[in-house]
PDB file of all heavy atoms in Angstrom:
ATOM      1  N   SER A   1       4.068  55.063  86.757  1.00  0.00           N
ATOM      2  CA  SER A   1       3.249  55.760  85.722  1.00  0.00           C
ATOM      3  C   SER A   1       3.277  57.283  86.005  1.00  0.00           C
ATOM      4  O   SER A   1       3.678  57.729  87.039  1.00  0.00           O
ATOM      5  CB  SER A   1       1.814  55.230  85.746  1.00  0.00           C
ATOM      6  OG  SER A   1       1.188  55.531  86.996  1.00  0.00           O
ATOM      7  N   PHE A   2       2.794  58.039  85.024  1.00  0.00           N
ATOM      8  CA  PHE A   2       2.799  59.508  85.176  1.00  0.00           C
ATOM      9  C   PHE A   2       1.657  60.101  84.313  1.00  0.00           C
ATOM     10  O   PHE A   2       1.140  59.459  83.413  1.00  0.00           O
ATOM     11  CB  PHE A   2       4.156  60.078  84.702  1.00  0.00           C
ATOM     12  CG  PHE A   2       4.427  59.899  83.207  1.00  0.00           C
ATOM     13  CD1 PHE A   2       4.117  60.912  82.318  1.00  0.00           C
ATOM     14  CD2 PHE A   2       4.956  58.705  82.728  1.00  0.00           C
ATOM     15  CE1 PHE A   2       4.318  60.729  80.979  1.00  0.00           C
ATOM     16  CE2 PHE A   2       5.155  58.517  81.389  1.00  0.00           C
ATOM     17  CZ  PHE A   2       4.865  59.552  80.496  1.00  0.00           C
ATOM     18  N   GLN A   3       1.338  61.338  84.623  1.00  0.00           N
ATOM     19  CA  GLN A   3       0.358  62.079  83.843  1.00  0.00           C
ATOM     20  C   GLN A   3       0.743  63.580  83.911  1.00  0.00           C
ATOM     21  O   GLN A   3       0.810  64.152  84.967  1.00  0.00           O
ATOM     22  CB  GLN A   3      -1.054  61.874  84.351  1.00  0.00           C
ATOM     23  CG  GLN A   3      -2.121  62.649  83.643  1.00  0.00           C
ATOM     24  CD  GLN A   3      -2.085  62.440  82.118  1.00  0.00           C
ATOM     25  OE1 GLN A   3      -1.573  63.248  81.331  1.00  0.00           O
ATOM     26  NE2 GLN A   3      -2.653  61.300  81.704  1.00  0.00           N
ATOM     27  N   SER A   4       1.044  64.146  82.755  1.00  0.00           N
ATOM     28  CA  SER A   4       1.490  65.550  82.699  1.00  0.00           C
ATOM     29  C   SER A   4       0.303  66.500  82.435  1.00  0.00           C
ATOM     30  O   SER A   4       0.505  67.724  82.561  1.00  0.00           O
ATOM     31  CB  SER A   4       2.547  65.721  81.616  1.00  0.00           C
ATOM     32  OG  SER A   4       2.048  65.304  80.342  1.00  0.00           O
ATOM     33  N   GLN A   5      -0.870  65.974  82.113  1.00  0.00           N
ATOM     34  CA  GLN A   5      -1.997  66.829  81.782  1.00  0.00           C
ATOM     35  C   GLN A   5      -3.011  66.848  82.912  1.00  0.00           C
ATOM     36  O   GLN A   5      -3.053  66.006  83.795  1.00  0.00           O
ATOM     37  CB  GLN A   5      -2.678  66.327  80.488  1.00  0.00           C
ATOM     38  CG  GLN A   5      -1.740  66.245  79.266  1.00  0.00           C
ATOM     39  CD  GLN A   5      -1.214  67.624  78.859  1.00  0.00           C
ATOM     40  OE1 GLN A   5      -1.928  68.618  78.896  1.00  0.00           O
ATOM     41  NE2 GLN A   5       0.077  67.660  78.491  1.00  0.00           N
ATOM     42  N   ARG A   6      -3.886  67.816  82.878  1.00  0.00           N
ATOM     43  CA  ARG A   6      -4.988  67.902  83.802  1.00  0.00           C
ATOM     44  C   ARG A   6      -6.184  67.165  83.214  1.00  0.00           C
ATOM     45  O   ARG A   6      -6.319  66.903  82.018  1.00  0.00           O
ATOM     46  CB  ARG A   6      -5.374  69.345  84.032  1.00  0.00           C
ATOM     47  CG  ARG A   6      -4.317  70.244  84.693  1.00  0.00           C
ATOM     48  CD  ARG A   6      -4.799  71.669  84.757  1.00  0.00           C
ATOM     49  NE  ARG A   6      -5.996  71.799  85.584  1.00  0.00           N
ATOM     50  CZ  ARG A   6      -5.997  72.114  86.859  1.00  0.00           C
ATOM     51  NH1 ARG A   6      -4.844  72.322  87.493  1.00  0.00           N
ATOM     52  NH2 ARG A   6      -7.146  72.204  87.536  1.00  0.00           N
ATOM     53  N   SER A   7      -7.119  66.791  84.101  1.00  0.00           N
ATOM     54  CA  SER A   7      -8.453  66.314  83.724  1.00  0.00           C
ATOM     55  C   SER A   7      -8.436  65.034  82.890  1.00  0.00           C
ATOM     56  O   SER A   7      -9.280  64.887  81.977  1.00  0.00           O
ATOM     57  CB  SER A   7      -9.211  67.418  82.974  1.00  0.00           C
ATOM     58  OG  SER A   7      -9.159  68.641  83.658  1.00  0.00           O
ATOM     59  N   GLU A   8      -7.459  64.131  83.111  1.00  0.00           N
ATOM     60  CA  GLU A   8      -7.406  62.881  82.377  1.00  0.00           C
ATOM     61  C   GLU A   8      -7.989  61.732  83.178  1.00  0.00           C
ATOM     62  O   GLU A   8      -8.090  61.816  84.397  1.00  0.00           O
ATOM     63  CB  GLU A   8      -5.974  62.577  81.986  1.00  0.00           C
ATOM     64  CG  GLU A   8      -5.339  63.574  80.993  1.00  0.00           C
ATOM     65  CD  GLU A   8      -5.996  63.502  79.618  1.00  0.00           C
ATOM     66  OE1 GLU A   8      -6.792  62.567  79.343  1.00  0.00           O
ATOM     67  OE2 GLU A   8      -5.653  64.373  78.772  1.00  0.00           O
ATOM     68  N   THR A   9      -8.332  60.644  82.452  1.00  0.00           N
ATOM     69  CA  THR A   9      -8.887  59.476  83.133  1.00  0.00           C
ATOM     70  C   THR A   9      -7.932  58.273  83.096  1.00  0.00           C
ATOM     71  O   THR A   9      -8.334  57.158  83.307  1.00  0.00           O
ATOM     72  CB  THR A   9     -10.207  59.055  82.412  1.00  0.00           C
ATOM     73  OG1 THR A   9      -9.924  58.785  81.034  1.00  0.00           O
ATOM     74  CG2 THR A   9     -11.248  60.126  82.554  1.00  0.00           C
ATOM     75  N   PHE A  10      -6.647  58.578  82.833  1.00  0.00           N
ATOM     76  CA  PHE A  10      -5.667  57.499  82.778  1.00  0.00           C
ATOM     77  C   PHE A  10      -4.259  58.088  83.056  1.00  0.00           C
ATOM     78  O   PHE A  10      -4.077  59.298  83.084  1.00  0.00           O
ATOM     79  CB  PHE A  10      -5.638  56.832  81.377  1.00  0.00           C
ATOM     80  CG  PHE A  10      -5.213  57.794  80.302  1.00  0.00           C
ATOM     81  CD1 PHE A  10      -3.896  57.829  79.890  1.00  0.00           C
ATOM     82  CD2 PHE A  10      -6.141  58.653  79.725  1.00  0.00           C
ATOM     83  CE1 PHE A  10      -3.510  58.757  78.888  1.00  0.00           C
ATOM     84  CE2 PHE A  10      -5.726  59.579  78.723  1.00  0.00           C
ATOM     85  CZ  PHE A  10      -4.398  59.577  78.307  1.00  0.00           C
ATOM     86  N   CYS A  11      -3.286  57.213  83.224  1.00  0.00           N
ATOM     87  CA  CYS A  11      -1.884  57.611  83.387  1.00  0.00           C
ATOM     88  C   CYS A  11      -1.033  56.803  82.403  1.00  0.00           C
ATOM     89  O   CYS A  11      -1.377  55.691  82.044  1.00  0.00           O
ATOM     90  CB  CYS A  11      -1.378  57.353  84.790  1.00  0.00           C
ATOM     91  SG  CYS A  11      -2.186  58.380  86.055  1.00  0.00           S
ATOM     92  N   PHE A  12       0.038  57.381  81.932  1.00  0.00           N
ATOM     93  CA  PHE A  12       1.007  56.687  81.074  1.00  0.00           C
ATOM     94  C   PHE A  12       1.977  55.876  81.900  1.00  0.00           C
ATOM     95  O   PHE A  12       2.445  56.300  82.924  1.00  0.00           O
ATOM     96  CB  PHE A  12       1.821  57.702  80.228  1.00  0.00           C
ATOM     97  CG  PHE A  12       0.972  58.501  79.305  1.00  0.00           C
ATOM     98  CD1 PHE A  12       0.620  59.806  79.626  1.00  0.00           C
ATOM     99  CD2 PHE A  12       0.565  57.970  78.083  1.00  0.00           C
ATOM    100  CE1 PHE A  12      -0.182  60.589  78.770  1.00  0.00           C
ATOM    101  CE2 PHE A  12      -0.212  58.747  77.211  1.00  0.00           C
ATOM    102  CZ  PHE A  12      -0.576  60.032  77.522  1.00  0.00           C
ATOM    103  N   ARG A  13       2.295  54.672  81.432  1.00  0.00           N
ATOM    104  CA  ARG A  13       3.275  53.831  82.111  1.00  0.00           C
ATOM    105  C   ARG A  13       4.692  54.269  81.667  1.00  0.00           C
ATOM    106  O   ARG A  13       4.891  54.637  80.510  1.00  0.00           O
ATOM    107  CB  ARG A  13       3.102  52.367  81.799  1.00  0.00           C
ATOM    108  CG  ARG A  13       1.854  51.761  82.428  1.00  0.00           C
ATOM    109  CD  ARG A  13       1.963  50.264  82.612  1.00  0.00           C
ATOM    110  NE  ARG A  13       3.110  49.884  83.446  1.00  0.00           N
ATOM    111  CZ  ARG A  13       3.105  49.958  84.768  1.00  0.00           C
ATOM    112  NH1 ARG A  13       2.005  50.356  85.431  1.00  0.00           N
ATOM    113  NH2 ARG A  13       4.149  49.582  85.494  1.00  0.00           N
ATOM    114  N   CYS A  14       5.636  54.202  82.590  1.00  0.00           N
ATOM    115  CA  CYS A  14       7.012  54.509  82.248  1.00  0.00           C
ATOM    116  C   CYS A  14       7.501  53.448  81.235  1.00  0.00           C
ATOM    117  O   CYS A  14       7.164  52.273  81.338  1.00  0.00           O
ATOM    118  CB  CYS A  14       7.913  54.471  83.498  1.00  0.00           C
ATOM    119  SG  CYS A  14       7.618  55.823  84.650  1.00  0.00           S
ATOM    120  N   PRO A  15       8.369  53.871  80.285  1.00  0.00           N
ATOM    121  CA  PRO A  15       8.819  52.925  79.273  1.00  0.00           C
ATOM    122  C   PRO A  15       9.878  51.962  79.811  1.00  0.00           C
ATOM    123  O   PRO A  15      10.577  52.247  80.792  1.00  0.00           O
ATOM    124  CB  PRO A  15       9.408  53.856  78.196  1.00  0.00           C
ATOM    125  CG  PRO A  15       9.873  55.058  78.981  1.00  0.00           C
ATOM    126  CD  PRO A  15       8.821  55.230  80.071  1.00  0.00           C
ATOM    127  N   GLY A  16       9.996  50.794  79.149  1.00  0.00           N
ATOM    128  CA  GLY A  16      11.028  49.840  79.434  1.00  0.00           C
ATOM    129  C   GLY A  16      11.084  49.393  80.856  1.00  0.00           C
ATOM    130  O   GLY A  16      10.062  49.035  81.467  1.00  0.00           O
ATOM    131  N   ASN A  17      12.286  49.387  81.432  1.00  0.00           N
ATOM    132  CA  ASN A  17      12.510  48.965  82.835  1.00  0.00           C
ATOM    133  C   ASN A  17      12.334  50.093  83.852  1.00  0.00           C
ATOM    134  O   ASN A  17      12.701  49.921  84.995  1.00  0.00           O
ATOM    135  CB  ASN A  17      13.903  48.324  82.987  1.00  0.00           C
ATOM    136  CG  ASN A  17      14.058  47.090  82.171  1.00  0.00           C
ATOM    137  OD1 ASN A  17      13.278  46.130  82.300  1.00  0.00           O
ATOM    138  ND2 ASN A  17      15.068  47.023  81.353  1.00  0.00           N
ATOM    139  N   LYS A  18      11.897  51.208  83.396  1.00  0.00           N
ATOM    140  CA  LYS A  18      11.858  52.394  84.287  1.00  0.00           C
ATOM    141  C   LYS A  18      10.645  52.409  85.193  1.00  0.00           C
ATOM    142  O   LYS A  18       9.611  51.793  84.880  1.00  0.00           O
ATOM    143  CB  LYS A  18      11.901  53.659  83.452  1.00  0.00           C
ATOM    144  CG  LYS A  18      13.227  53.844  82.696  1.00  0.00           C
ATOM    145  CD  LYS A  18      13.292  55.180  81.939  1.00  0.00           C
ATOM    146  CE  LYS A  18      14.591  55.391  81.268  1.00  0.00           C
ATOM    147  NZ  LYS A  18      14.738  56.678  80.601  1.00  0.00           N
ATOM    148  N   THR A  19      10.815  53.130  86.292  1.00  0.00           N
ATOM    149  CA  THR A  19       9.711  53.312  87.231  1.00  0.00           C
ATOM    150  C   THR A  19       9.822  54.716  87.857  1.00  0.00           C
ATOM    151  O   THR A  19      10.733  55.453  87.484  1.00  0.00           O
ATOM    152  CB  THR A  19       9.718  52.211  88.330  1.00  0.00           C
ATOM    153  OG1 THR A  19       8.532  52.343  89.113  1.00  0.00           O
ATOM    154  CG2 THR A  19      10.909  52.380  89.258  1.00  0.00           C
ATOM    155  N   THR A  20       8.942  55.045  88.766  1.00  0.00           N
ATOM    156  CA  THR A  20       9.032  56.341  89.462  1.00  0.00           C
ATOM    157  C   THR A  20       9.350  56.080  90.936  1.00  0.00           C
ATOM    158  O   THR A  20       9.124  55.001  91.437  1.00  0.00           O
ATOM    159  CB  THR A  20       7.727  57.111  89.326  1.00  0.00           C
ATOM    160  OG1 THR A  20       6.648  56.295  89.864  1.00  0.00           O
ATOM    161  CG2 THR A  20       7.378  57.430  87.893  1.00  0.00           C
ATOM    162  N   LEU A  21       9.829  57.118  91.569  1.00  0.00           N
ATOM    163  CA  LEU A  21      10.186  56.999  92.993  1.00  0.00           C
ATOM    164  C   LEU A  21       9.016  57.029  93.887  1.00  0.00           C
ATOM    165  O   LEU A  21       9.076  56.574  95.029  1.00  0.00           O
ATOM    166  CB  LEU A  21      11.209  58.077  93.373  1.00  0.00           C
ATOM    167  CG  LEU A  21      12.530  58.092  92.639  1.00  0.00           C
ATOM    168  CD1 LEU A  21      13.408  59.270  93.124  1.00  0.00           C
ATOM    169  CD2 LEU A  21      13.270  56.768  92.824  1.00  0.00           C
ATOM    170  N   TYR A  22       7.909  57.578  93.407  1.00  0.00           N
ATOM    171  CA  TYR A  22       6.706  57.742  94.232  1.00  0.00           C
ATOM    172  C   TYR A  22       5.486  57.831  93.348  1.00  0.00           C
ATOM    173  O   TYR A  22       5.595  57.923  92.094  1.00  0.00           O
ATOM    174  CB  TYR A  22       6.834  58.964  95.115  1.00  0.00           C
ATOM    175  CG  TYR A  22       7.369  60.208  94.399  1.00  0.00           C
ATOM    176  CD1 TYR A  22       6.519  60.937  93.569  1.00  0.00           C
ATOM    177  CD2 TYR A  22       8.663  60.561  94.516  1.00  0.00           C
ATOM    178  CE1 TYR A  22       6.995  62.010  92.880  1.00  0.00           C
ATOM    179  CE2 TYR A  22       9.187  61.673  93.797  1.00  0.00           C
ATOM    180  CZ  TYR A  22       8.332  62.380  92.992  1.00  0.00           C
ATOM    181  OH  TYR A  22       8.830  63.465  92.323  1.00  0.00           O
ATOM    182  N   SER A  23       4.306  57.778  93.924  1.00  0.00           N
ATOM    183  CA  SER A  23       3.071  57.929  93.139  1.00  0.00           C
ATOM    184  C   SER A  23       2.821  59.405  92.902  1.00  0.00           C
ATOM    185  O   SER A  23       3.436  60.263  93.495  1.00  0.00           O
ATOM    186  CB  SER A  23       1.916  57.323  93.947  1.00  0.00           C
ATOM    187  OG  SER A  23       1.694  58.018  95.138  1.00  0.00           O
ATOM    188  N   GLY A  24       1.928  59.687  91.949  1.00  0.00           N
ATOM    189  CA  GLY A  24       1.593  61.083  91.646  1.00  0.00           C
ATOM    190  C   GLY A  24       2.618  61.780  90.781  1.00  0.00           C
ATOM    191  O   GLY A  24       2.743  63.023  90.833  1.00  0.00           O
ATOM    192  N   THR A  25       3.390  61.036  89.982  1.00  0.00           N
ATOM    193  CA  THR A  25       4.433  61.642  89.116  1.00  0.00           C
ATOM    194  C   THR A  25       3.790  62.365  87.975  1.00  0.00           C
ATOM    195  O   THR A  25       2.849  61.908  87.354  1.00  0.00           O
ATOM    196  CB  THR A  25       5.386  60.547  88.616  1.00  0.00           C
ATOM    197  OG1 THR A  25       6.006  59.942  89.733  1.00  0.00           O
ATOM    198  CG2 THR A  25       6.438  61.145  87.702  1.00  0.00           C
ATOM    199  N   ARG A  26       4.388  63.514  87.651  1.00  0.00           N
ATOM    200  CA  ARG A  26       3.791  64.390  86.608  1.00  0.00           C
ATOM    201  C   ARG A  26       4.467  64.365  85.246  1.00  0.00           C
ATOM    202  O   ARG A  26       3.945  64.953  84.315  1.00  0.00           O
ATOM    203  CB  ARG A  26       3.805  65.857  87.140  1.00  0.00           C
ATOM    204  CG  ARG A  26       3.034  66.046  88.459  1.00  0.00           C
ATOM    205  CD  ARG A  26       3.038  67.501  88.856  1.00  0.00           C
ATOM    206  NE  ARG A  26       2.253  67.735  90.068  1.00  0.00           N
ATOM    207  CZ  ARG A  26       1.973  68.947  90.532  1.00  0.00           C
ATOM    208  NH1 ARG A  26       2.397  70.009  89.897  1.00  0.00           N
ATOM    209  NH2 ARG A  26       1.269  69.043  91.642  1.00  0.00           N
ATOM    210  N   ASP A  27       5.681  63.795  85.177  1.00  0.00           N
ATOM    211  CA  ASP A  27       6.407  63.970  83.940  1.00  0.00           C
ATOM    212  C   ASP A  27       7.248  62.737  83.613  1.00  0.00           C
ATOM    213  O   ASP A  27       7.755  62.051  84.510  1.00  0.00           O
ATOM    214  CB  ASP A  27       7.333  65.176  84.036  1.00  0.00           C
ATOM    215  CG  ASP A  27       7.898  65.579  82.705  1.00  0.00           C
ATOM    216  OD1 ASP A  27       7.190  66.218  81.921  1.00  0.00           O
ATOM    217  OD2 ASP A  27       9.065  65.221  82.452  1.00  0.00           O
ATOM    218  N   LEU A  28       7.398  62.448  82.314  1.00  0.00           N
ATOM    219  CA  LEU A  28       8.179  61.300  81.833  1.00  0.00           C
ATOM    220  C   LEU A  28       9.637  61.391  82.362  1.00  0.00           C
ATOM    221  O   LEU A  28      10.246  60.342  82.657  1.00  0.00           O
ATOM    222  CB  LEU A  28       8.207  61.269  80.300  1.00  0.00           C
ATOM    223  CG  LEU A  28       9.133  60.264  79.642  1.00  0.00           C
ATOM    224  CD1 LEU A  28       8.743  58.833  80.024  1.00  0.00           C
ATOM    225  CD2 LEU A  28       9.104  60.482  78.132  1.00  0.00           C
ATOM    226  N   SER A  29      10.192  62.576  82.504  1.00  0.00           N
ATOM    227  CA  SER A  29      11.579  62.739  82.966  1.00  0.00           C
ATOM    228  C   SER A  29      11.795  62.193  84.367  1.00  0.00           C
ATOM    229  O   SER A  29      12.924  61.979  84.766  1.00  0.00           O
ATOM    230  CB  SER A  29      11.959  64.208  82.888  1.00  0.00           C
ATOM    231  OG  SER A  29      11.232  64.991  83.802  1.00  0.00           O
ATOM    232  N   GLN A  30      10.712  61.960  85.105  1.00  0.00           N
ATOM    233  CA  GLN A  30      10.818  61.460  86.455  1.00  0.00           C
ATOM    234  C   GLN A  30      10.806  59.931  86.536  1.00  0.00           C
ATOM    235  O   GLN A  30      10.843  59.331  87.592  1.00  0.00           O
ATOM    236  CB  GLN A  30       9.701  62.020  87.352  1.00  0.00           C
ATOM    237  CG  GLN A  30       9.832  63.524  87.565  1.00  0.00           C
ATOM    238  CD  GLN A  30       8.662  64.117  88.345  1.00  0.00           C
ATOM    239  OE1 GLN A  30       7.557  64.235  87.835  1.00  0.00           O
ATOM    240  NE2 GLN A  30       8.900  64.398  89.619  1.00  0.00           N
ATOM    241  N   CYS A  31      10.704  59.284  85.375  1.00  0.00           N
ATOM    242  CA  CYS A  31      10.776  57.862  85.296  1.00  0.00           C
ATOM    243  C   CYS A  31      12.276  57.459  85.430  1.00  0.00           C
ATOM    244  O   CYS A  31      13.106  57.964  84.649  1.00  0.00           O
ATOM    245  CB  CYS A  31      10.195  57.314  83.951  1.00  0.00           C
ATOM    246  SG  CYS A  31       8.414  57.476  83.840  1.00  0.00           S
ATOM    247  N   ARG A  32      12.600  56.560  86.300  1.00  0.00           N
ATOM    248  CA  ARG A  32      13.940  56.212  86.606  1.00  0.00           C
ATOM    249  C   ARG A  32      14.288  54.800  86.183  1.00  0.00           C
ATOM    250  O   ARG A  32      13.454  53.878  86.254  1.00  0.00           O
ATOM    251  CB  ARG A  32      14.257  56.341  88.117  1.00  0.00           C
ATOM    252  CG  ARG A  32      13.869  57.714  88.682  1.00  0.00           C
ATOM    253  CD  ARG A  32      14.622  58.864  87.979  1.00  0.00           C
ATOM    254  NE  ARG A  32      14.235  60.135  88.535  1.00  0.00           N
ATOM    255  CZ  ARG A  32      14.834  60.749  89.513  1.00  0.00           C
ATOM    256  NH1 ARG A  32      15.847  60.141  90.182  1.00  0.00           N
ATOM    257  NH2 ARG A  32      14.456  61.920  89.966  1.00  0.00           N
ATOM    258  N   GLU A  33      15.529  54.580  85.800  1.00  0.00           N
ATOM    259  CA  GLU A  33      15.981  53.268  85.320  1.00  0.00           C
ATOM    260  C   GLU A  33      16.104  52.300  86.508  1.00  0.00           C
ATOM    261  O   GLU A  33      16.571  52.640  87.579  1.00  0.00           O
ATOM    262  CB  GLU A  33      17.355  53.390  84.677  1.00  0.00           C
ATOM    263  CG  GLU A  33      17.910  52.102  84.122  1.00  0.00           C
ATOM    264  CD  GLU A  33      17.015  51.537  83.014  1.00  0.00           C
ATOM    265  OE1 GLU A  33      16.835  52.204  81.984  1.00  0.00           O
ATOM    266  OE2 GLU A  33      16.504  50.413  83.211  1.00  0.00           O
ATOM    267  N   THR A  34      15.619  51.075  86.297  1.00  0.00           N
ATOM    268  CA  THR A  34      15.713  50.066  87.346  1.00  0.00           C
ATOM    269  C   THR A  34      16.611  48.901  86.929  1.00  0.00           C
ATOM    270  O   THR A  34      16.928  48.026  87.743  1.00  0.00           O
ATOM    271  CB  THR A  34      14.325  49.469  87.676  1.00  0.00           C
ATOM    272  OG1 THR A  34      13.769  48.892  86.497  1.00  0.00           O
ATOM    273  CG2 THR A  34      13.407  50.557  88.181  1.00  0.00           C
ATOM    274  N   LYS A  35      17.034  48.854  85.665  1.00  0.00           N
ATOM    275  CA  LYS A  35      17.885  47.756  85.190  1.00  0.00           C
ATOM    276  C   LYS A  35      19.194  47.815  85.903  1.00  0.00           C
ATOM    277  O   LYS A  35      19.836  48.866  86.016  1.00  0.00           O
ATOM    278  CB  LYS A  35      18.072  47.870  83.720  1.00  0.00           C
ATOM    279  CG  LYS A  35      18.857  46.705  83.109  1.00  0.00           C
ATOM    280  CD  LYS A  35      18.957  46.803  81.619  1.00  0.00           C
ATOM    281  CE  LYS A  35      19.699  45.616  81.026  1.00  0.00           C
ATOM    282  NZ  LYS A  35      19.865  45.755  79.568  1.00  0.00           N
ATOM    283  N   CYS A  36      19.690  46.706  86.403  1.00  0.00           N
ATOM    284  CA  CYS A  36      20.947  46.655  87.120  1.00  0.00           C
ATOM    285  C   CYS A  36      21.469  45.238  87.158  1.00  0.00           C
ATOM    286  O   CYS A  36      20.747  44.306  86.858  1.00  0.00           O
ATOM    287  CB  CYS A  36      20.790  47.204  88.549  1.00  0.00           C
ATOM    288  SG  CYS A  36      19.550  46.308  89.528  1.00  0.00           S
ATOM    289  N   GLY A  37      22.740  45.100  87.594  1.00  0.00           N
ATOM    290  CA  GLY A  37      23.337  43.795  87.695  1.00  0.00           C
ATOM    291  C   GLY A  37      24.052  43.354  86.422  1.00  0.00           C
ATOM    292  O   GLY A  37      24.013  44.076  85.397  1.00  0.00           O
ATOM    293  N   GLY A  38      24.630  42.161  86.450  1.00  0.00           N
ATOM    294  CA  GLY A  38      25.304  41.610  85.295  1.00  0.00           C
ATOM    295  C   GLY A  38      26.619  40.944  85.651  1.00  0.00           C
ATOM    296  O   GLY A  38      27.107  40.990  86.787  1.00  0.00           O
TER     297      GLY A  38
END
C-alpha cells in the first residue's frame, strides 16, 4: 500500500498483483509487479 498525501487516515492498496518492497511507501510508482512463472 502507499499514501502520497499528508494527514490521511488510510493508505491506497497497490493495483493488481503489485506490491511494495517495504512499508511506508509514498507513491504508486513504487508498487512492483509480483506476477511471475508460466
